[in-house]
N, C-alpha and C. Protein backbone atom coordinates (compact mmCIF):
# COMPACT_ATOMS: atom_id res chain seq x y z
N MET A 1 0.77 -0.96 0.42
CA MET A 1 -0.24 0.00 -0.08
C MET A 1 0.91 1.32 0.00
N LEU A 2 2.28 1.09 0.67
CA LEU A 2 2.63 2.45 0.95
C LEU A 2 3.50 2.36 -0.46
N ARG A 3 4.00 1.58 -0.86
CA ARG A 3 4.73 1.63 -2.20
C ARG A 3 3.99 1.91 -3.06
N SER A 4 2.27 1.90 -3.28
CA SER A 4 1.56 2.31 -4.35
C SER A 4 1.35 3.67 -4.13
N LEU A 5 1.40 4.44 -2.94
CA LEU A 5 1.40 5.85 -2.64
C LEU A 5 2.74 6.44 -3.12
N PHE A 6 3.70 6.08 -2.88
CA PHE A 6 4.97 6.72 -3.34
C PHE A 6 5.19 6.45 -4.76
N PHE A 7 4.53 5.54 -5.34
CA PHE A 7 4.48 5.45 -7.14
C PHE A 7 3.91 6.23 -7.48
N SER A 8 2.71 6.52 -6.83
CA SER A 8 1.59 7.38 -7.31
C SER A 8 2.09 8.90 -7.19
N LEU A 9 2.46 9.24 -6.14
CA LEU A 9 3.06 10.59 -5.92
C LEU A 9 4.56 10.98 -7.09
N ALA A 10 5.20 9.86 -7.16
CA ALA A 10 6.29 10.20 -8.29
C ALA A 10 6.04 10.23 -9.30
N LEU A 11 4.59 9.28 -9.84
CA LEU A 11 4.46 9.92 -10.99
C LEU A 11 3.30 11.32 -11.57
N ALA A 12 2.99 11.61 -10.56
CA ALA A 12 2.30 12.98 -10.31
C ALA A 12 3.16 14.06 -10.47
N ALA A 13 4.56 13.74 -9.91
CA ALA A 13 5.50 14.71 -10.08
C ALA A 13 6.02 15.12 -11.48
N MET A 14 6.05 13.92 -12.00
CA MET A 14 6.34 13.72 -13.18
C MET A 14 5.33 14.05 -14.45
N VAL A 15 3.98 13.89 -14.18
CA VAL A 15 3.03 14.81 -15.15
C VAL A 15 2.87 15.70 -15.00
N LEU A 16 2.81 16.62 -13.74
CA LEU A 16 2.18 17.88 -13.76
C LEU A 16 3.41 18.65 -13.63
N PRO A 17 2.97 19.77 -14.52
CA PRO A 17 4.47 20.64 -14.99
C PRO A 17 4.63 21.60 -13.58
N ALA A 18 5.68 22.00 -13.12
CA ALA A 18 6.49 22.59 -12.37
C ALA A 18 5.92 24.02 -11.99
N THR A 19 5.38 24.60 -11.02
CA THR A 19 5.32 25.79 -11.22
C THR A 19 6.65 26.67 -10.91
N ALA A 20 6.51 27.81 -11.82
CA ALA A 20 7.53 28.44 -12.10
C ALA A 20 7.52 29.62 -10.87
N ARG A 21 9.00 29.57 -10.74
CA ARG A 21 9.09 30.93 -9.62
C ARG A 21 9.25 32.19 -10.44
N PRO A 22 8.71 33.65 -9.72
CA PRO A 22 8.71 34.93 -10.68
C PRO A 22 10.14 34.86 -10.85
N MET A 23 10.63 35.79 -11.79
CA MET A 23 11.96 35.99 -12.34
C MET A 23 12.08 37.23 -11.40
N THR A 24 13.01 37.41 -11.35
CA THR A 24 13.93 38.52 -10.16
C THR A 24 14.63 39.33 -11.25
N LEU A 25 14.56 40.76 -11.36
CA LEU A 25 14.70 41.84 -12.37
C LEU A 25 15.66 42.62 -11.37
N LEU A 26 17.10 42.94 -11.96
CA LEU A 26 17.68 43.67 -10.44
C LEU A 26 18.07 45.14 -11.31
N ALA A 27 17.72 46.09 -10.80
CA ALA A 27 17.95 47.35 -11.12
C ALA A 27 18.70 48.32 -10.55
N LEU A 28 19.93 48.20 -11.21
CA LEU A 28 21.08 48.78 -10.61
C LEU A 28 21.35 49.86 -10.83
N GLY A 29 21.43 51.09 -10.59
CA GLY A 29 21.60 52.47 -10.58
C GLY A 29 21.74 53.68 -9.54
N ASP A 30 21.54 54.60 -10.10
CA ASP A 30 21.67 56.04 -9.21
C ASP A 30 20.66 56.41 -8.89
N SER A 31 20.27 57.63 -8.76
CA SER A 31 18.84 58.59 -8.24
C SER A 31 17.78 58.24 -9.07
N LEU A 32 18.00 58.00 -10.73
CA LEU A 32 17.16 57.97 -11.59
C LEU A 32 16.33 57.05 -11.49
N THR A 33 16.76 55.94 -10.72
CA THR A 33 16.84 54.44 -10.45
C THR A 33 15.87 54.41 -9.19
N ALA A 34 16.82 55.11 -8.61
CA ALA A 34 16.44 54.98 -6.91
C ALA A 34 14.84 55.85 -6.63
N GLY A 35 14.49 56.66 -7.70
CA GLY A 35 13.52 57.37 -6.99
C GLY A 35 13.67 58.47 -6.43
N TYR A 36 14.51 59.07 -6.45
CA TYR A 36 14.80 60.47 -6.22
C TYR A 36 13.17 61.84 -6.22
N GLY A 37 12.99 62.05 -5.13
CA GLY A 37 12.39 63.25 -5.42
C GLY A 37 11.17 63.00 -5.74
N VAL A 38 10.48 61.43 -5.51
CA VAL A 38 9.14 60.95 -5.80
C VAL A 38 8.82 60.13 -4.76
N ASP A 39 7.30 59.86 -4.93
CA ASP A 39 6.87 58.93 -3.75
C ASP A 39 7.82 57.55 -4.06
N PRO A 40 8.13 56.79 -3.12
CA PRO A 40 8.48 55.43 -2.97
C PRO A 40 7.78 54.59 -4.15
N GLY A 41 6.34 54.97 -4.19
CA GLY A 41 5.57 54.07 -5.28
C GLY A 41 5.48 54.56 -6.58
N ASP A 42 6.40 55.67 -6.85
CA ASP A 42 6.43 56.05 -8.33
C ASP A 42 7.91 55.97 -8.58
N ALA A 43 8.66 55.34 -7.90
CA ALA A 43 9.94 54.98 -8.57
C ALA A 43 9.98 53.91 -9.73
N PHE A 44 11.22 54.17 -10.49
CA PHE A 44 11.05 53.74 -11.68
C PHE A 44 11.02 52.09 -11.66
N PRO A 45 11.94 51.25 -10.48
CA PRO A 45 11.43 49.95 -10.28
C PRO A 45 10.02 49.44 -10.04
N VAL A 46 9.09 50.03 -9.33
CA VAL A 46 8.14 49.76 -8.67
C VAL A 46 7.20 50.16 -9.86
N LYS A 47 7.26 51.09 -10.76
CA LYS A 47 6.28 51.16 -12.02
C LYS A 47 6.77 50.41 -13.11
N LEU A 48 7.77 49.99 -13.10
CA LEU A 48 8.43 48.93 -14.51
C LEU A 48 7.73 47.83 -13.98
N GLU A 49 7.57 47.38 -12.61
CA GLU A 49 7.15 45.64 -12.26
C GLU A 49 5.87 45.83 -12.31
N ALA A 50 5.42 46.77 -12.37
CA ALA A 50 3.43 47.09 -12.55
C ALA A 50 3.26 46.72 -13.88
N ALA A 51 4.15 47.79 -14.77
CA ALA A 51 3.88 47.69 -16.14
C ALA A 51 4.22 46.59 -16.99
N LEU A 52 5.12 45.63 -16.23
CA LEU A 52 5.43 44.07 -16.49
C LEU A 52 4.32 43.02 -16.36
N ARG A 53 3.98 43.30 -14.90
CA ARG A 53 2.74 42.29 -14.93
C ARG A 53 1.30 42.29 -15.41
N VAL A 54 1.48 43.83 -15.79
CA VAL A 54 -0.04 44.35 -16.65
C VAL A 54 0.20 43.64 -18.00
N LYS A 55 1.41 43.28 -18.49
CA LYS A 55 1.70 42.62 -19.84
C LYS A 55 1.94 41.10 -19.69
N GLY A 56 1.71 40.65 -18.27
CA GLY A 56 1.52 39.07 -17.90
C GLY A 56 2.91 38.71 -17.48
N HIS A 57 3.95 39.38 -17.17
CA HIS A 57 5.29 38.67 -16.89
C HIS A 57 5.30 38.51 -15.20
N ASP A 58 5.28 37.61 -14.91
CA ASP A 58 5.78 37.06 -13.61
C ASP A 58 7.10 37.58 -12.99
N VAL A 59 7.20 38.91 -12.51
CA VAL A 59 8.50 39.41 -12.32
C VAL A 59 8.69 40.32 -11.24
N THR A 60 9.89 40.52 -10.53
CA THR A 60 9.66 41.12 -9.14
C THR A 60 10.97 41.95 -9.66
N VAL A 61 11.08 43.07 -9.55
CA VAL A 61 12.09 44.22 -9.83
C VAL A 61 12.54 44.93 -8.59
N ILE A 62 13.89 44.56 -8.22
CA ILE A 62 14.49 44.86 -7.09
C ILE A 62 15.37 46.54 -7.56
N ASN A 63 14.69 47.16 -6.51
CA ASN A 63 15.28 48.47 -6.69
C ASN A 63 16.81 48.92 -5.92
N ALA A 64 17.83 48.34 -6.62
CA ALA A 64 19.11 49.02 -6.63
C ALA A 64 19.90 50.22 -6.87
N GLY A 65 18.97 51.10 -6.86
CA GLY A 65 19.46 52.59 -7.41
C GLY A 65 19.83 53.46 -5.91
N VAL A 66 20.97 54.18 -6.26
CA VAL A 66 21.73 54.35 -4.81
C VAL A 66 21.84 56.06 -5.39
N SER A 67 21.04 57.03 -4.99
CA SER A 67 21.33 58.69 -5.15
C SER A 67 22.81 58.58 -4.85
N GLY A 68 23.32 59.52 -6.05
CA GLY A 68 24.66 59.97 -5.73
C GLY A 68 25.51 59.00 -6.29
N ASP A 69 25.30 57.80 -6.44
CA ASP A 69 26.15 56.76 -6.88
C ASP A 69 26.67 56.93 -8.26
N THR A 70 28.37 56.90 -8.87
CA THR A 70 29.01 56.58 -9.78
C THR A 70 29.02 55.20 -10.09
N ALA A 71 29.64 55.35 -11.73
CA ALA A 71 29.69 53.84 -11.96
C ALA A 71 30.25 53.36 -11.25
N GLY A 72 31.46 53.64 -10.57
CA GLY A 72 32.26 53.29 -9.48
C GLY A 72 32.04 52.42 -8.53
N ASP A 73 30.78 53.55 -8.00
CA ASP A 73 30.36 52.99 -6.83
C ASP A 73 29.20 52.00 -7.10
N GLY A 74 28.54 52.24 -8.29
CA GLY A 74 27.84 50.75 -8.60
C GLY A 74 28.63 49.42 -8.47
N LEU A 75 29.93 49.36 -9.31
CA LEU A 75 30.71 48.46 -9.18
C LEU A 75 30.89 47.85 -7.78
N ALA A 76 31.17 49.01 -6.81
CA ALA A 76 31.85 48.52 -5.16
C ALA A 76 30.56 47.86 -4.78
N ARG A 77 29.39 48.04 -5.04
CA ARG A 77 27.92 47.63 -4.46
C ARG A 77 27.91 46.31 -4.88
N LEU A 78 28.20 45.95 -6.12
CA LEU A 78 27.38 44.65 -7.22
C LEU A 78 27.22 43.49 -6.31
N ASP A 79 28.41 42.91 -5.67
CA ASP A 79 28.49 41.63 -5.11
C ASP A 79 27.15 41.52 -3.96
N TRP A 80 27.25 43.09 -3.06
CA TRP A 80 25.95 43.06 -2.23
C TRP A 80 24.78 43.10 -3.10
N ALA A 81 24.59 43.86 -4.33
CA ALA A 81 23.32 43.64 -5.10
C ALA A 81 23.07 42.31 -5.39
N LEU A 82 23.96 41.33 -5.44
CA LEU A 82 23.70 39.73 -6.14
C LEU A 82 23.34 39.01 -5.11
N GLY A 83 23.37 39.40 -3.93
CA GLY A 83 23.32 38.55 -2.50
C GLY A 83 22.46 37.71 -2.38
N ASP A 84 21.58 37.99 -3.28
CA ASP A 84 20.26 37.01 -3.58
C ASP A 84 20.26 36.75 -5.22
N PRO A 85 19.67 35.61 -5.50
CA PRO A 85 19.09 35.16 -6.84
C PRO A 85 18.80 36.02 -8.07
N VAL A 86 19.38 36.55 -8.99
CA VAL A 86 18.98 37.58 -9.83
C VAL A 86 18.93 36.73 -10.99
N ASP A 87 17.71 36.88 -11.96
CA ASP A 87 17.38 36.47 -13.24
C ASP A 87 18.12 37.09 -14.52
N ALA A 88 17.91 38.49 -14.40
CA ALA A 88 18.25 39.49 -15.26
C ALA A 88 18.58 40.80 -14.34
N ALA A 89 19.37 41.71 -15.42
CA ALA A 89 19.28 43.33 -14.85
C ALA A 89 19.69 44.13 -15.51
N ILE A 90 19.14 45.76 -15.16
CA ILE A 90 19.10 46.51 -15.96
C ILE A 90 20.44 47.40 -15.20
N VAL A 91 21.37 47.84 -16.13
CA VAL A 91 22.27 48.67 -15.74
C VAL A 91 22.11 50.38 -15.97
N GLU A 92 21.90 50.98 -14.84
CA GLU A 92 21.50 52.47 -15.49
C GLU A 92 22.70 53.42 -14.53
N LEU A 93 23.85 53.62 -15.01
CA LEU A 93 25.19 54.27 -14.22
C LEU A 93 25.56 54.96 -15.16
N GLY A 94 26.43 56.30 -14.43
CA GLY A 94 27.34 57.23 -15.42
C GLY A 94 26.71 58.43 -15.54
N ALA A 95 25.43 59.08 -14.98
CA ALA A 95 24.81 60.26 -15.01
C ALA A 95 25.90 61.11 -14.00
N ASN A 96 26.02 60.55 -12.94
CA ASN A 96 26.82 61.14 -11.84
C ASN A 96 28.21 61.46 -12.36
N ASP A 97 28.66 60.64 -12.96
CA ASP A 97 29.89 60.81 -13.51
C ASP A 97 30.50 61.95 -14.30
N MET A 98 29.22 61.84 -15.44
CA MET A 98 29.19 62.84 -16.16
C MET A 98 29.11 64.51 -15.74
N LEU A 99 28.23 64.49 -14.76
CA LEU A 99 27.74 65.53 -14.29
C LEU A 99 28.87 66.20 -13.32
N ARG A 100 29.90 65.37 -12.38
CA ARG A 100 31.21 65.24 -12.13
C ARG A 100 32.09 65.70 -13.20
N GLY A 101 32.11 65.56 -14.28
CA GLY A 101 33.07 65.65 -15.25
C GLY A 101 34.36 64.79 -15.27
N LEU A 102 33.66 63.52 -14.45
CA LEU A 102 34.49 62.16 -14.61
C LEU A 102 35.33 62.03 -15.68
N ASP A 103 36.57 61.61 -15.80
CA ASP A 103 37.04 61.00 -17.06
C ASP A 103 36.44 60.02 -17.68
N PRO A 104 35.48 59.63 -18.61
CA PRO A 104 34.66 58.93 -19.48
C PRO A 104 35.48 57.43 -19.32
N ALA A 105 37.11 57.46 -19.52
CA ALA A 105 37.48 56.11 -19.60
C ALA A 105 37.40 55.59 -18.02
N GLU A 106 37.23 56.33 -16.93
CA GLU A 106 37.15 55.58 -15.41
C GLU A 106 35.99 55.00 -15.50
N THR A 107 34.76 55.98 -16.06
CA THR A 107 33.37 55.12 -16.13
C THR A 107 33.43 54.07 -16.86
N GLU A 108 34.24 54.07 -18.08
CA GLU A 108 34.05 52.84 -18.96
C GLU A 108 34.53 51.61 -18.21
N ARG A 109 35.66 51.64 -17.75
CA ARG A 109 36.33 50.78 -16.74
C ARG A 109 35.53 50.03 -16.18
N ALA A 110 34.77 51.00 -15.13
CA ALA A 110 33.84 50.62 -14.14
C ALA A 110 32.63 49.60 -14.43
N LEU A 111 32.29 50.28 -15.72
CA LEU A 111 30.81 49.78 -16.25
C LEU A 111 31.11 48.44 -16.89
N ASP A 112 32.45 48.19 -17.48
CA ASP A 112 33.30 47.20 -18.03
C ASP A 112 33.14 45.99 -17.03
N GLN A 113 33.54 46.45 -15.87
CA GLN A 113 33.68 45.21 -14.90
C GLN A 113 32.35 45.06 -14.42
N ILE A 114 31.44 45.66 -14.25
CA ILE A 114 30.12 45.38 -13.74
C ILE A 114 29.58 44.41 -15.06
N LEU A 115 29.45 44.41 -16.03
CA LEU A 115 29.18 43.72 -17.28
C LEU A 115 29.80 42.42 -17.24
N ALA A 116 31.13 42.54 -16.89
CA ALA A 116 31.95 41.14 -16.80
C ALA A 116 31.71 40.35 -15.86
N THR A 117 31.11 41.17 -14.87
CA THR A 117 30.54 40.25 -13.90
C THR A 117 29.33 39.24 -13.68
N LEU A 118 28.39 40.28 -14.38
CA LEU A 118 27.31 39.75 -14.66
C LEU A 118 27.24 38.58 -15.75
N ARG A 119 28.01 39.07 -16.77
CA ARG A 119 28.12 38.03 -17.53
C ARG A 119 28.90 36.77 -16.90
N ALA A 120 29.60 36.55 -16.11
CA ALA A 120 30.51 35.64 -15.77
C ALA A 120 29.24 34.67 -14.89
N LYS A 121 28.13 35.26 -14.06
CA LYS A 121 27.20 34.74 -13.71
C LYS A 121 26.31 34.30 -14.69
N ASN A 122 26.35 34.75 -15.73
CA ASN A 122 25.34 34.11 -16.91
C ASN A 122 23.61 35.23 -16.32
N ILE A 123 24.11 36.31 -16.26
CA ILE A 123 23.17 37.30 -15.73
C ILE A 123 22.62 37.86 -17.12
N PRO A 124 21.76 37.81 -17.95
CA PRO A 124 21.51 39.07 -18.90
C PRO A 124 21.10 40.20 -18.93
N VAL A 125 21.68 41.19 -19.54
CA VAL A 125 21.77 42.50 -19.02
C VAL A 125 21.14 43.71 -20.21
N LEU A 126 20.43 44.35 -19.81
CA LEU A 126 20.18 45.53 -20.45
C LEU A 126 20.89 46.89 -20.03
N LEU A 127 21.77 47.22 -20.81
CA LEU A 127 22.73 48.31 -20.43
C LEU A 127 21.70 49.90 -20.68
N ALA A 128 21.41 50.60 -19.88
CA ALA A 128 20.59 51.94 -20.01
C ALA A 128 21.71 53.12 -20.40
N GLY A 129 21.63 53.72 -21.15
CA GLY A 129 22.71 54.54 -21.64
C GLY A 129 22.34 56.08 -21.12
N MET A 130 23.31 56.99 -20.92
CA MET A 130 23.40 58.50 -20.72
C MET A 130 24.03 59.28 -21.69
N GLN A 131 23.42 60.38 -22.01
CA GLN A 131 24.12 61.32 -22.87
C GLN A 131 24.76 62.54 -22.10
N ALA A 132 25.98 62.97 -22.54
CA ALA A 132 26.75 64.04 -22.06
C ALA A 132 25.73 65.35 -21.93
N ALA A 133 26.04 66.20 -20.81
CA ALA A 133 25.66 67.82 -21.15
C ALA A 133 26.34 68.36 -22.03
N PRO A 134 25.69 69.07 -23.06
CA PRO A 134 26.44 69.95 -23.89
C PRO A 134 27.41 70.88 -23.55
N ASN A 135 27.09 71.39 -22.16
CA ASN A 135 27.97 72.41 -21.60
C ASN A 135 29.43 71.71 -21.14
N LEU A 136 29.30 70.37 -21.14
CA LEU A 136 30.94 70.04 -21.07
C LEU A 136 31.69 69.98 -21.87
N GLY A 137 31.60 70.36 -23.25
CA GLY A 137 32.08 70.48 -24.53
C GLY A 137 32.03 69.08 -25.30
N ALA A 138 32.54 69.49 -26.99
CA ALA A 138 32.63 68.40 -27.96
C ALA A 138 33.10 67.13 -27.71
N ASP A 139 34.24 67.60 -27.03
CA ASP A 139 35.43 66.28 -26.88
C ASP A 139 34.82 65.64 -25.84
N TYR A 140 34.24 66.09 -24.51
CA TYR A 140 34.39 65.02 -23.61
C TYR A 140 32.90 64.71 -23.87
N GLY A 141 32.12 65.26 -24.63
CA GLY A 141 30.51 64.72 -25.11
C GLY A 141 30.97 63.62 -25.78
N ALA A 142 31.66 63.84 -27.06
CA ALA A 142 31.98 62.20 -27.77
C ALA A 142 32.51 61.11 -26.78
N ARG A 143 33.41 61.55 -26.15
CA ARG A 143 34.05 60.43 -25.54
C ARG A 143 33.32 59.55 -24.62
N PHE A 144 32.60 60.65 -23.95
CA PHE A 144 31.52 59.76 -23.17
C PHE A 144 30.35 59.15 -23.34
N ASN A 145 29.64 59.79 -24.42
CA ASN A 145 28.86 59.14 -25.83
C ASN A 145 29.03 57.88 -25.92
N ARG A 146 30.41 57.76 -26.39
CA ARG A 146 30.12 56.44 -27.06
C ARG A 146 30.54 54.76 -26.42
N LEU A 147 31.09 55.58 -25.27
CA LEU A 147 31.58 54.36 -24.42
C LEU A 147 30.23 53.54 -24.18
N TYR A 148 29.18 53.72 -24.11
CA TYR A 148 27.80 53.03 -24.21
C TYR A 148 27.51 51.83 -25.30
N PRO A 149 27.78 52.49 -26.56
CA PRO A 149 27.85 51.63 -27.42
C PRO A 149 28.67 50.66 -27.52
N LYS A 150 29.97 51.04 -26.98
CA LYS A 150 31.15 50.71 -27.44
C LYS A 150 31.29 49.06 -26.20
N LEU A 151 30.70 49.60 -25.23
CA LEU A 151 30.42 48.53 -24.22
C LEU A 151 29.49 47.51 -24.48
N THR A 152 28.55 48.01 -25.19
CA THR A 152 27.16 46.82 -25.73
C THR A 152 27.85 45.99 -26.81
N ALA A 153 28.64 46.50 -27.83
CA ALA A 153 29.33 45.62 -28.18
C ALA A 153 30.37 44.53 -27.80
N VAL A 154 31.07 45.23 -26.93
CA VAL A 154 32.01 43.83 -26.30
C VAL A 154 31.46 42.94 -25.70
N HIS A 155 30.61 43.43 -24.87
CA HIS A 155 29.85 42.05 -23.97
C HIS A 155 28.25 41.56 -24.51
N GLY A 156 28.29 42.22 -25.72
CA GLY A 156 27.04 41.44 -26.30
C GLY A 156 25.69 41.41 -25.65
N VAL A 157 25.45 42.89 -24.63
CA VAL A 157 24.47 42.86 -24.04
C VAL A 157 23.08 43.97 -24.61
N LEU A 158 22.08 43.84 -24.50
CA LEU A 158 21.02 44.78 -25.03
C LEU A 158 21.36 45.99 -24.57
N PHE A 159 20.59 46.97 -25.32
CA PHE A 159 21.36 48.24 -25.06
C PHE A 159 20.15 49.03 -25.39
N TYR A 160 19.81 50.18 -24.35
CA TYR A 160 18.68 51.38 -24.39
C TYR A 160 19.59 52.41 -24.61
N PRO A 161 19.64 53.13 -25.58
CA PRO A 161 20.92 54.15 -25.48
C PRO A 161 20.41 55.39 -24.82
N PHE A 162 19.36 55.57 -24.35
CA PHE A 162 19.22 57.14 -23.40
C PHE A 162 18.21 56.82 -22.50
N PHE A 163 18.33 56.30 -21.02
CA PHE A 163 17.56 56.27 -20.07
C PHE A 163 16.30 57.27 -20.40
N LEU A 164 16.62 58.69 -20.26
CA LEU A 164 15.96 59.69 -19.95
C LEU A 164 15.36 60.17 -21.62
N ASP A 165 15.39 59.19 -22.36
CA ASP A 165 14.57 59.34 -23.71
C ASP A 165 13.06 60.14 -23.52
N GLY A 166 12.78 61.30 -24.22
CA GLY A 166 11.03 61.61 -24.19
C GLY A 166 10.83 62.25 -22.84
N VAL A 167 12.09 62.22 -21.97
CA VAL A 167 12.16 62.93 -21.18
C VAL A 167 12.68 64.36 -20.62
N ALA A 168 14.16 63.93 -20.98
CA ALA A 168 15.15 65.28 -20.60
C ALA A 168 14.50 66.29 -21.47
N GLY A 169 14.92 67.26 -20.77
CA GLY A 169 14.23 68.60 -21.73
C GLY A 169 12.64 68.71 -21.46
N GLN A 170 12.08 68.47 -20.58
CA GLN A 170 10.70 68.52 -20.95
C GLN A 170 10.27 68.59 -19.52
N SER A 171 10.17 69.94 -19.44
CA SER A 171 10.00 70.66 -18.06
C SER A 171 8.65 70.03 -17.23
N ALA A 172 7.64 69.71 -17.63
CA ALA A 172 6.18 68.90 -17.71
C ALA A 172 7.01 67.50 -17.07
N LEU A 173 7.74 67.17 -17.21
CA LEU A 173 8.11 65.60 -16.82
C LEU A 173 9.05 65.68 -15.76
N ASN A 174 9.67 66.54 -15.69
CA ASN A 174 10.53 66.68 -14.92
C ASN A 174 10.53 67.13 -13.20
N GLN A 175 11.32 67.28 -12.37
CA GLN A 175 11.11 67.67 -11.11
C GLN A 175 12.07 69.26 -11.12
N PRO A 176 11.87 70.11 -10.52
CA PRO A 176 12.06 71.80 -10.37
C PRO A 176 13.63 71.58 -10.56
N ASP A 177 14.60 70.53 -10.15
CA ASP A 177 16.18 70.77 -10.57
C ASP A 177 15.99 70.42 -12.05
N GLY A 178 15.07 69.96 -12.89
CA GLY A 178 15.30 69.81 -14.52
C GLY A 178 15.85 68.62 -14.52
N MET A 179 16.79 67.89 -13.82
CA MET A 179 17.33 66.42 -14.00
C MET A 179 16.57 65.23 -13.68
N HIS A 180 15.75 65.41 -12.77
CA HIS A 180 15.09 64.12 -12.25
C HIS A 180 13.93 64.31 -12.64
N PRO A 181 13.16 62.83 -12.53
CA PRO A 181 11.99 62.74 -13.43
C PRO A 181 11.20 63.01 -12.49
N ASN A 182 9.94 63.78 -12.99
CA ASN A 182 8.61 63.47 -11.61
C ASN A 182 7.68 62.34 -12.18
N ALA A 183 6.69 61.86 -11.27
CA ALA A 183 5.63 60.74 -11.41
C ALA A 183 5.55 60.36 -13.03
N ALA A 184 5.29 61.82 -13.71
CA ALA A 184 4.68 61.41 -14.91
C ALA A 184 5.74 61.24 -15.61
N GLY A 185 6.87 61.69 -15.72
CA GLY A 185 8.45 61.35 -16.31
C GLY A 185 8.77 60.10 -16.10
N VAL A 186 8.90 59.23 -15.02
CA VAL A 186 8.61 57.68 -14.61
C VAL A 186 7.88 56.94 -15.74
N ASP A 187 6.58 57.39 -15.68
CA ASP A 187 5.56 56.75 -16.39
C ASP A 187 6.24 56.69 -18.29
N GLU A 188 6.58 57.79 -18.29
CA GLU A 188 7.08 58.08 -19.71
C GLU A 188 8.28 56.96 -19.98
N ILE A 189 9.08 57.20 -19.04
CA ILE A 189 10.15 56.22 -19.41
C ILE A 189 10.04 54.59 -19.08
N VAL A 190 9.14 54.49 -18.53
CA VAL A 190 9.05 52.85 -17.98
C VAL A 190 7.76 52.37 -19.55
N LYS A 191 7.25 53.45 -19.70
CA LYS A 191 6.37 53.24 -21.13
C LYS A 191 7.45 52.88 -22.42
N ARG A 192 8.40 53.70 -22.69
CA ARG A 192 9.43 53.43 -23.57
C ARG A 192 10.30 52.47 -23.51
N MET A 193 10.47 52.04 -22.26
CA MET A 193 11.41 51.16 -21.79
C MET A 193 10.97 49.60 -21.93
N VAL A 194 9.73 49.88 -21.50
CA VAL A 194 9.04 48.01 -21.52
C VAL A 194 9.41 47.51 -22.64
N PRO A 195 9.25 47.90 -23.69
CA PRO A 195 9.51 46.81 -25.10
C PRO A 195 11.33 46.14 -24.86
N ALA A 196 12.12 47.07 -24.62
CA ALA A 196 13.53 46.59 -24.23
C ALA A 196 13.78 45.60 -23.06
N VAL A 197 13.07 45.78 -21.84
CA VAL A 197 12.61 44.88 -20.72
C VAL A 197 12.18 43.62 -21.31
N GLU A 198 11.07 43.69 -21.86
CA GLU A 198 10.73 42.29 -22.35
C GLU A 198 11.39 41.26 -23.36
N ALA A 199 12.48 42.29 -24.25
CA ALA A 199 13.46 41.20 -24.93
C ALA A 199 14.29 40.94 -23.98
N LEU A 200 14.69 41.60 -22.67
CA LEU A 200 15.46 41.34 -21.46
C LEU A 200 15.08 39.93 -20.81
N LEU A 201 13.82 40.00 -20.76
CA LEU A 201 13.08 38.93 -19.88
C LEU A 201 13.20 37.92 -21.07
N ALA A 202 13.01 38.16 -22.08
CA ALA A 202 13.09 36.75 -23.42
C ALA A 202 14.62 36.00 -22.84
N GLN A 203 15.27 36.73 -22.83
CA GLN A 203 16.97 35.77 -22.78
C GLN A 203 16.75 35.19 -21.70
N VAL A 204 16.13 35.34 -20.79
CA VAL A 204 16.06 34.31 -19.29
C VAL A 204 15.62 33.19 -19.78
N ARG A 205 14.21 33.18 -20.55
CA ARG A 205 13.87 32.28 -20.88
C ARG A 205 14.58 31.24 -21.87
């Protein structure tokens, strides 16, 4: 009788599909990811998760954004951010490097190490780029702006060219500082990024 019960349970385990766990998406970034100046519920990771769930994706988005972080700061805390299992990652770093006028080569080295670490762990990545402010000069702008496409090609990751696409320079979508999106701005970022994030999730499958 007991042997028959064990056989039935084993057969059921073979026949019934396993319940898939939710995918975990790490959003590694600075204040633009963290949600500086907006209510917690309006932060990019929260709204992205909600938008993905509406489209049928069982995903949890981890907010690993820290205001003020440079790419080097993001690298320094990457191991901590990967303390729990992660299926995919969005990397949004470099804005503070640019605002501080740091050498683009320094930013590139840090991002290169972040992407290499994630690749070694078989974690698919969507790299979200930033664009240099025009007041930093043409030479700096050219050096900074080309580092993201270069890293994309080197590491073979997905690329979203400008995290603030459609929001930068739009007063109605930004906070009074003109740099951080307000709640409506976050909505616009999420709306524009969802297709790229869906492509990222498809790599997990």
